Amino acid sequence: MMPRLDATAVDDPAGLVGLLSAAGLPTEDVAEPGRVFLRYANEGREFVGIGGFEPLGAAVLLRSIAVAPEHRGHGIGRSITANLMGRARQRGAADAFAFTNGERTFLAALGFRRIERTEAPAAVLATRQATGLCAASAVLWQKETGR
């Protein structure tokens, strides 16, 4: 069973940059329009993680999913990812994509499959993540939002 989380929009760019920086994630484009970042808390209102996405029509690029170290291993990442994908699906996205710095990722356990960049839609390849924020060696993952 996935933990129940409450999500609130992160509308403080400085706070968002701090959270992402602490997790070792890119921050250069977080204040640009078209990005949605959410702060997640457990039922006790304790911060447990962060996640974001860029809606791209029929696709969505998941961004900056990070779980606070003391909450890892309890399904928080799974819950954050499911919440982000549900929000993207409501906006019309059929496929979710994400970049990682390596082959080892919790996304594989969630049913994401590794794909080559040539398999991604043009909208994903045109994002700042794909064109420069993520190294050319970054691994691209894909999954249908409804599964």
N, C-alpha and C. Protein backbone atom coordinates (compact mmCIF):
# COMPACT_ATOMS: atom_id res chain seq x y z
N MET A 1 0.83 -1.18 0.00
CA MET A 1 0.00 0.00 0.00
C MET A 1 0.88 1.25 0.00
N MET A 2 0.53 2.20 -0.85
CA MET A 2 1.30 3.44 -0.93
C MET A 2 0.91 4.38 0.20
N PRO A 3 1.88 5.10 0.75
CA PRO A 3 1.56 6.06 1.80
C PRO A 3 0.70 7.20 1.27
N ARG A 4 -0.17 7.72 2.12
CA ARG A 4 -1.00 8.86 1.75
C ARG A 4 -0.18 10.12 1.96
N LEU A 5 -0.11 10.94 0.91
CA LEU A 5 0.66 12.17 0.97
C LEU A 5 -0.21 13.35 0.61
N ASP A 6 0.10 14.49 1.18
CA ASP A 6 -0.54 15.74 0.81
C ASP A 6 0.45 16.52 -0.05
N ALA A 7 -0.03 17.08 -1.15
CA ALA A 7 0.82 17.84 -2.05
C ALA A 7 0.41 19.30 -2.04
N THR A 8 1.39 20.18 -1.99
CA THR A 8 1.13 21.61 -2.11
C THR A 8 2.09 22.18 -3.14
N ALA A 9 1.60 23.15 -3.89
CA ALA A 9 2.44 23.78 -4.91
C ALA A 9 3.60 24.50 -4.26
N VAL A 10 4.74 24.41 -4.89
CA VAL A 10 5.92 25.16 -4.43
C VAL A 10 5.96 26.42 -5.26
N ASP A 11 5.64 27.54 -4.64
CA ASP A 11 5.61 28.79 -5.38
C ASP A 11 6.70 29.76 -4.94
N ASP A 12 7.61 29.29 -4.11
CA ASP A 12 8.73 30.09 -3.65
C ASP A 12 9.98 29.61 -4.37
N PRO A 13 10.42 30.33 -5.43
CA PRO A 13 11.57 29.87 -6.20
C PRO A 13 12.83 29.63 -5.36
N ALA A 14 13.09 30.49 -4.38
CA ALA A 14 14.29 30.32 -3.56
C ALA A 14 14.19 29.04 -2.73
N GLY A 15 13.03 28.77 -2.15
CA GLY A 15 12.84 27.55 -1.38
C GLY A 15 12.94 26.32 -2.25
N LEU A 16 12.39 26.40 -3.46
CA LEU A 16 12.44 25.29 -4.39
C LEU A 16 13.89 24.99 -4.78
N VAL A 17 14.64 26.03 -5.09
CA VAL A 17 16.05 25.84 -5.46
C VAL A 17 16.80 25.19 -4.31
N GLY A 18 16.51 25.61 -3.08
CA GLY A 18 17.17 25.01 -1.92
C GLY A 18 16.87 23.53 -1.79
N LEU A 19 15.60 23.16 -1.96
CA LEU A 19 15.21 21.75 -1.85
C LEU A 19 15.87 20.92 -2.95
N LEU A 20 15.84 21.43 -4.18
CA LEU A 20 16.41 20.68 -5.30
C LEU A 20 17.93 20.58 -5.18
N SER A 21 18.56 21.68 -4.79
CA SER A 21 20.01 21.68 -4.63
C SER A 21 20.44 20.66 -3.58
N ALA A 22 19.70 20.60 -2.49
CA ALA A 22 20.03 19.64 -1.42
C ALA A 22 19.94 18.21 -1.92
N ALA A 23 19.09 17.97 -2.92
CA ALA A 23 18.93 16.63 -3.48
C ALA A 23 19.87 16.39 -4.66
N GLY A 24 20.68 17.39 -5.01
CA GLY A 24 21.62 17.25 -6.12
C GLY A 24 20.95 17.29 -7.48
N LEU A 25 19.82 18.00 -7.58
CA LEU A 25 19.06 18.05 -8.83
C LEU A 25 19.22 19.41 -9.50
N PRO A 26 19.04 19.48 -10.84
CA PRO A 26 19.20 20.74 -11.57
C PRO A 26 18.17 21.78 -11.12
N THR A 27 18.61 23.03 -11.11
CA THR A 27 17.74 24.12 -10.66
C THR A 27 17.66 25.28 -11.65
N GLU A 28 18.45 25.24 -12.70
CA GLU A 28 18.59 26.40 -13.58
C GLU A 28 17.29 26.87 -14.22
N ASP A 29 16.35 25.99 -14.45
CA ASP A 29 15.14 26.39 -15.18
C ASP A 29 13.86 26.31 -14.36
N VAL A 30 13.96 26.12 -13.06
CA VAL A 30 12.76 25.86 -12.28
C VAL A 30 11.79 27.03 -12.22
N ALA A 31 12.26 28.25 -12.40
CA ALA A 31 11.37 29.41 -12.33
C ALA A 31 10.73 29.74 -13.68
N GLU A 32 11.11 29.01 -14.72
CA GLU A 32 10.54 29.26 -16.05
C GLU A 32 9.09 28.79 -16.10
N PRO A 33 8.27 29.44 -16.93
CA PRO A 33 6.86 29.03 -17.03
C PRO A 33 6.72 27.60 -17.53
N GLY A 34 5.61 26.97 -17.18
CA GLY A 34 5.30 25.64 -17.68
C GLY A 34 5.79 24.50 -16.82
N ARG A 35 6.36 24.80 -15.68
CA ARG A 35 6.82 23.75 -14.77
C ARG A 35 5.95 23.76 -13.53
N VAL A 36 5.64 22.58 -13.04
CA VAL A 36 4.84 22.44 -11.83
C VAL A 36 5.69 21.66 -10.83
N PHE A 37 5.91 22.25 -9.66
CA PHE A 37 6.66 21.57 -8.60
C PHE A 37 5.79 21.49 -7.36
N LEU A 38 5.81 20.32 -6.73
CA LEU A 38 4.98 20.07 -5.56
C LEU A 38 5.85 19.60 -4.40
N ARG A 39 5.46 20.04 -3.24
CA ARG A 39 6.11 19.64 -1.99
C ARG A 39 5.17 18.63 -1.34
N TYR A 40 5.70 17.51 -0.89
CA TYR A 40 4.88 16.45 -0.33
C TYR A 40 5.13 16.30 1.17
N ALA A 41 4.04 16.08 1.90
CA ALA A 41 4.11 15.87 3.34
C ALA A 41 3.30 14.63 3.70
N ASN A 42 3.69 13.97 4.78
CA ASN A 42 2.93 12.80 5.24
C ASN A 42 1.74 13.26 6.07
N GLU A 43 1.00 12.31 6.61
CA GLU A 43 -0.21 12.65 7.38
C GLU A 43 0.11 13.50 8.61
N GLY A 44 1.34 13.43 9.10
CA GLY A 44 1.76 14.25 10.23
C GLY A 44 2.28 15.61 9.80
N ARG A 45 2.13 15.93 8.51
CA ARG A 45 2.55 17.20 7.91
C ARG A 45 4.07 17.38 7.87
N GLU A 46 4.80 16.29 7.98
CA GLU A 46 6.26 16.32 7.91
C GLU A 46 6.69 16.24 6.45
N PHE A 47 7.62 17.10 6.03
CA PHE A 47 8.13 17.09 4.67
C PHE A 47 8.76 15.73 4.38
N VAL A 48 8.34 15.12 3.24
CA VAL A 48 8.89 13.82 2.87
C VAL A 48 9.53 13.81 1.49
N GLY A 49 9.18 14.79 0.64
CA GLY A 49 9.77 14.78 -0.69
C GLY A 49 9.25 15.89 -1.57
N ILE A 50 9.76 15.87 -2.78
CA ILE A 50 9.42 16.88 -3.78
C ILE A 50 9.34 16.20 -5.13
N GLY A 51 8.59 16.78 -6.02
CA GLY A 51 8.50 16.27 -7.39
C GLY A 51 7.92 17.33 -8.29
N GLY A 52 8.17 17.19 -9.56
CA GLY A 52 7.65 18.16 -10.51
C GLY A 52 7.42 17.54 -11.87
N PHE A 53 6.81 18.34 -12.73
CA PHE A 53 6.60 17.87 -14.10
C PHE A 53 6.44 19.05 -15.04
N GLU A 54 6.70 18.77 -16.31
CA GLU A 54 6.47 19.73 -17.40
C GLU A 54 5.44 19.12 -18.32
N PRO A 55 4.23 19.68 -18.37
CA PRO A 55 3.24 19.18 -19.32
C PRO A 55 3.66 19.53 -20.75
N LEU A 56 3.60 18.54 -21.63
CA LEU A 56 4.04 18.72 -23.01
C LEU A 56 2.99 18.17 -23.97
N GLY A 57 1.73 18.46 -23.73
CA GLY A 57 0.66 17.92 -24.57
C GLY A 57 0.40 16.47 -24.25
N ALA A 58 0.63 15.59 -25.22
CA ALA A 58 0.39 14.16 -25.01
C ALA A 58 1.49 13.49 -24.18
N ALA A 59 2.53 14.24 -23.87
CA ALA A 59 3.63 13.71 -23.06
C ALA A 59 3.83 14.60 -21.84
N VAL A 60 4.51 14.05 -20.85
CA VAL A 60 4.89 14.82 -19.67
C VAL A 60 6.32 14.42 -19.32
N LEU A 61 7.10 15.41 -18.91
CA LEU A 61 8.44 15.13 -18.43
C LEU A 61 8.43 15.25 -16.92
N LEU A 62 8.63 14.13 -16.25
CA LEU A 62 8.71 14.14 -14.79
C LEU A 62 10.03 14.78 -14.39
N ARG A 63 9.98 15.59 -13.34
CA ARG A 63 11.16 16.36 -12.93
C ARG A 63 11.41 16.21 -11.45
N SER A 64 12.66 16.07 -11.09
CA SER A 64 13.12 16.31 -9.72
C SER A 64 12.35 15.56 -8.65
N ILE A 65 12.16 14.27 -8.84
CA ILE A 65 11.51 13.46 -7.81
C ILE A 65 12.59 13.09 -6.79
N ALA A 66 12.40 13.57 -5.57
CA ALA A 66 13.39 13.32 -4.52
C ALA A 66 12.67 13.07 -3.20
N VAL A 67 13.14 12.09 -2.47
CA VAL A 67 12.57 11.74 -1.17
C VAL A 67 13.60 12.10 -0.10
N ALA A 68 13.13 12.72 0.99
CA ALA A 68 14.01 13.05 2.10
C ALA A 68 14.69 11.77 2.58
N PRO A 69 15.99 11.83 2.85
CA PRO A 69 16.74 10.61 3.20
C PRO A 69 16.10 9.77 4.30
N GLU A 70 15.57 10.39 5.32
CA GLU A 70 14.99 9.64 6.43
C GLU A 70 13.67 8.96 6.08
N HIS A 71 13.11 9.25 4.88
CA HIS A 71 11.84 8.64 4.47
C HIS A 71 12.00 7.68 3.29
N ARG A 72 13.22 7.42 2.88
CA ARG A 72 13.44 6.52 1.75
C ARG A 72 13.15 5.08 2.16
N GLY A 73 12.72 4.30 1.16
CA GLY A 73 12.46 2.89 1.39
C GLY A 73 11.07 2.59 1.94
N HIS A 74 10.18 3.58 1.92
CA HIS A 74 8.83 3.40 2.46
C HIS A 74 7.74 3.65 1.43
N GLY A 75 8.09 3.69 0.14
CA GLY A 75 7.10 3.88 -0.91
C GLY A 75 6.77 5.34 -1.21
N ILE A 76 7.51 6.27 -0.63
CA ILE A 76 7.23 7.69 -0.86
C ILE A 76 7.48 8.06 -2.32
N GLY A 77 8.59 7.60 -2.88
CA GLY A 77 8.90 7.89 -4.29
C GLY A 77 7.83 7.35 -5.21
N ARG A 78 7.33 6.16 -4.91
CA ARG A 78 6.24 5.56 -5.69
C ARG A 78 4.99 6.44 -5.60
N SER A 79 4.66 6.91 -4.40
CA SER A 79 3.47 7.75 -4.21
C SER A 79 3.61 9.09 -4.93
N ILE A 80 4.79 9.70 -4.83
CA ILE A 80 5.02 10.98 -5.52
C ILE A 80 4.88 10.79 -7.02
N THR A 81 5.50 9.75 -7.55
CA THR A 81 5.44 9.49 -8.99
C THR A 81 4.00 9.24 -9.44
N ALA A 82 3.25 8.46 -8.70
CA ALA A 82 1.84 8.20 -9.04
C ALA A 82 1.03 9.49 -9.03
N ASN A 83 1.28 10.33 -8.05
CA ASN A 83 0.56 11.60 -7.96
C ASN A 83 0.89 12.49 -9.16
N LEU A 84 2.16 12.60 -9.50
CA LEU A 84 2.57 13.43 -10.64
C LEU A 84 1.97 12.90 -11.93
N MET A 85 2.01 11.58 -12.11
CA MET A 85 1.47 11.00 -13.33
C MET A 85 -0.04 11.19 -13.42
N GLY A 86 -0.74 11.10 -12.29
CA GLY A 86 -2.17 11.35 -12.28
C GLY A 86 -2.50 12.78 -12.67
N ARG A 87 -1.74 13.72 -12.16
CA ARG A 87 -1.94 15.13 -12.51
C ARG A 87 -1.67 15.36 -14.00
N ALA A 88 -0.63 14.72 -14.50
CA ALA A 88 -0.29 14.84 -15.92
C ALA A 88 -1.39 14.23 -16.80
N ARG A 89 -1.89 13.08 -16.37
CA ARG A 89 -2.96 12.41 -17.11
C ARG A 89 -4.19 13.32 -17.19
N GLN A 90 -4.52 14.02 -16.09
CA GLN A 90 -5.65 14.95 -16.08
C GLN A 90 -5.45 16.10 -17.07
N ARG A 91 -4.21 16.40 -17.39
CA ARG A 91 -3.90 17.46 -18.35
C ARG A 91 -3.74 16.92 -19.76
N GLY A 92 -4.01 15.64 -19.96
CA GLY A 92 -4.00 15.06 -21.30
C GLY A 92 -2.77 14.28 -21.68
N ALA A 93 -1.84 14.07 -20.77
CA ALA A 93 -0.62 13.33 -21.09
C ALA A 93 -0.90 11.83 -21.11
N ALA A 94 -0.47 11.17 -22.14
CA ALA A 94 -0.61 9.71 -22.25
C ALA A 94 0.68 8.99 -21.88
N ASP A 95 1.81 9.67 -22.04
CA ASP A 95 3.11 9.06 -21.77
C ASP A 95 3.94 9.96 -20.88
N ALA A 96 4.61 9.34 -19.91
CA ALA A 96 5.50 10.06 -19.01
C ALA A 96 6.94 9.70 -19.35
N PHE A 97 7.82 10.69 -19.24
CA PHE A 97 9.25 10.51 -19.51
C PHE A 97 10.04 11.08 -18.35
N ALA A 98 11.23 10.55 -18.13
CA ALA A 98 12.10 11.05 -17.07
C ALA A 98 13.55 10.75 -17.43
N PHE A 99 14.42 11.67 -17.09
CA PHE A 99 15.86 11.46 -17.26
C PHE A 99 16.47 11.09 -15.91
N THR A 100 17.44 10.17 -15.93
CA THR A 100 18.20 9.83 -14.73
C THR A 100 19.68 9.81 -15.08
N ASN A 101 20.49 9.87 -14.04
CA ASN A 101 21.94 9.87 -14.25
C ASN A 101 22.53 8.48 -14.37
N GLY A 102 21.72 7.47 -14.36
CA GLY A 102 22.25 6.11 -14.48
C GLY A 102 21.16 5.09 -14.68
N GLU A 103 21.57 3.87 -14.83
CA GLU A 103 20.65 2.76 -15.06
C GLU A 103 19.84 2.39 -13.82
N ARG A 104 20.43 2.62 -12.65
CA ARG A 104 19.76 2.24 -11.40
C ARG A 104 18.80 3.34 -10.99
N THR A 105 17.52 3.02 -10.99
CA THR A 105 16.51 3.99 -10.60
C THR A 105 15.27 3.26 -10.10
N PHE A 106 14.58 3.86 -9.17
CA PHE A 106 13.33 3.27 -8.69
C PHE A 106 12.27 3.28 -9.77
N LEU A 107 12.45 4.08 -10.81
CA LEU A 107 11.46 4.14 -11.90
C LEU A 107 11.31 2.79 -12.60
N ALA A 108 12.39 2.03 -12.71
CA ALA A 108 12.32 0.71 -13.35
C ALA A 108 11.37 -0.20 -12.58
N ALA A 109 11.39 -0.13 -11.26
CA ALA A 109 10.49 -0.95 -10.44
C ALA A 109 9.04 -0.51 -10.58
N LEU A 110 8.82 0.71 -11.08
CA LEU A 110 7.46 1.24 -11.27
C LEU A 110 6.93 0.97 -12.68
N GLY A 111 7.70 0.24 -13.47
CA GLY A 111 7.24 -0.10 -14.82
C GLY A 111 7.75 0.81 -15.92
N PHE A 112 8.62 1.76 -15.59
CA PHE A 112 9.22 2.57 -16.65
C PHE A 112 10.22 1.70 -17.40
N ARG A 113 10.34 1.96 -18.68
CA ARG A 113 11.32 1.22 -19.47
C ARG A 113 12.32 2.22 -20.06
N ARG A 114 13.55 1.75 -20.15
CA ARG A 114 14.60 2.58 -20.73
C ARG A 114 14.37 2.68 -22.23
N ILE A 115 14.51 3.89 -22.76
CA ILE A 115 14.38 4.08 -24.20
C ILE A 115 15.54 4.94 -24.70
N GLU A 116 15.76 4.89 -25.97
CA GLU A 116 16.76 5.75 -26.60
C GLU A 116 16.11 7.12 -26.84
N ARG A 117 16.92 8.14 -26.85
CA ARG A 117 16.38 9.49 -27.08
C ARG A 117 15.65 9.58 -28.41
N THR A 118 16.08 8.81 -29.40
CA THR A 118 15.44 8.84 -30.72
C THR A 118 13.99 8.36 -30.66
N GLU A 119 13.61 7.66 -29.57
CA GLU A 119 12.24 7.17 -29.43
C GLU A 119 11.32 8.19 -28.76
N ALA A 120 11.88 9.24 -28.22
CA ALA A 120 11.10 10.24 -27.49
C ALA A 120 10.44 11.22 -28.46
N PRO A 121 9.29 11.75 -28.07
CA PRO A 121 8.64 12.76 -28.91
C PRO A 121 9.48 14.05 -28.96
N ALA A 122 9.28 14.80 -30.01
CA ALA A 122 10.02 16.05 -30.20
C ALA A 122 9.84 17.00 -29.02
N ALA A 123 8.65 17.03 -28.43
CA ALA A 123 8.40 17.94 -27.31
C ALA A 123 9.32 17.64 -26.12
N VAL A 124 9.58 16.38 -25.86
CA VAL A 124 10.48 15.98 -24.77
C VAL A 124 11.91 16.37 -25.12
N LEU A 125 12.30 16.11 -26.35
CA LEU A 125 13.67 16.41 -26.78
C LEU A 125 13.95 17.90 -26.85
N ALA A 126 12.92 18.73 -26.91
CA ALA A 126 13.09 20.19 -26.97
C ALA A 126 13.18 20.83 -25.58
N THR A 127 12.98 20.06 -24.50
CA THR A 127 13.02 20.64 -23.16
C THR A 127 14.45 21.00 -22.77
N ARG A 128 14.58 21.89 -21.80
CA ARG A 128 15.91 22.27 -21.31
C ARG A 128 16.60 21.07 -20.67
N GLN A 129 15.82 20.16 -20.10
CA GLN A 129 16.41 18.95 -19.53
C GLN A 129 17.14 18.17 -20.63
N ALA A 130 16.49 17.99 -21.76
CA ALA A 130 17.07 17.19 -22.84
C ALA A 130 18.16 17.92 -23.59
N THR A 131 18.06 19.25 -23.68
CA THR A 131 19.01 20.00 -24.51
C THR A 131 20.23 20.50 -23.76
N GLY A 132 20.30 20.27 -22.45
CA GLY A 132 21.49 20.75 -21.79
C GLY A 132 21.59 20.52 -20.30
N LEU A 133 20.48 20.53 -19.58
CA LEU A 133 20.57 20.38 -18.14
C LEU A 133 20.96 18.96 -17.74
N CYS A 134 20.52 18.00 -18.52
CA CYS A 134 20.92 16.60 -18.29
C CYS A 134 22.00 16.26 -19.30
N ALA A 135 23.04 15.63 -18.85
CA ALA A 135 24.14 15.25 -19.73
C ALA A 135 23.65 14.35 -20.85
N ALA A 136 24.39 14.37 -21.94
CA ALA A 136 24.05 13.51 -23.08
C ALA A 136 24.03 12.04 -22.67
N SER A 137 24.74 11.71 -21.59
CA SER A 137 24.77 10.33 -21.12
C SER A 137 23.58 9.98 -20.22
N ALA A 138 22.72 10.95 -19.91
CA ALA A 138 21.56 10.68 -19.06
C ALA A 138 20.67 9.64 -19.71
N VAL A 139 20.09 8.79 -18.89
CA VAL A 139 19.23 7.71 -19.36
C VAL A 139 17.79 8.23 -19.40
N LEU A 140 17.08 7.92 -20.47
CA LEU A 140 15.69 8.34 -20.64
C LEU A 140 14.77 7.15 -20.39
N TRP A 141 13.72 7.40 -19.61
CA TRP A 141 12.75 6.38 -19.24
C TRP A 141 11.37 6.81 -19.71
N GLN A 142 10.49 5.82 -19.99
CA GLN A 142 9.14 6.10 -20.48
C GLN A 142 8.14 5.14 -19.89
N LYS A 143 6.93 5.64 -19.65
CA LYS A 143 5.83 4.79 -19.20
C LYS A 143 4.52 5.47 -19.56
N GLU A 144 3.52 4.68 -19.90
CA GLU A 144 2.18 5.23 -20.13
C GLU A 144 1.65 5.75 -18.80
N THR A 145 0.97 6.90 -18.79
CA THR A 145 0.50 7.49 -17.54
C THR A 145 -0.64 6.71 -16.90
N GLY A 146 -1.34 5.93 -17.68
CA GLY A 146 -2.49 5.20 -17.16
C GLY A 146 -2.16 3.85 -16.57
N ARG A 147 -0.89 3.46 -16.57
CA ARG A 147 -0.52 2.13 -16.07
C ARG A 147 0.35 2.22 -14.87
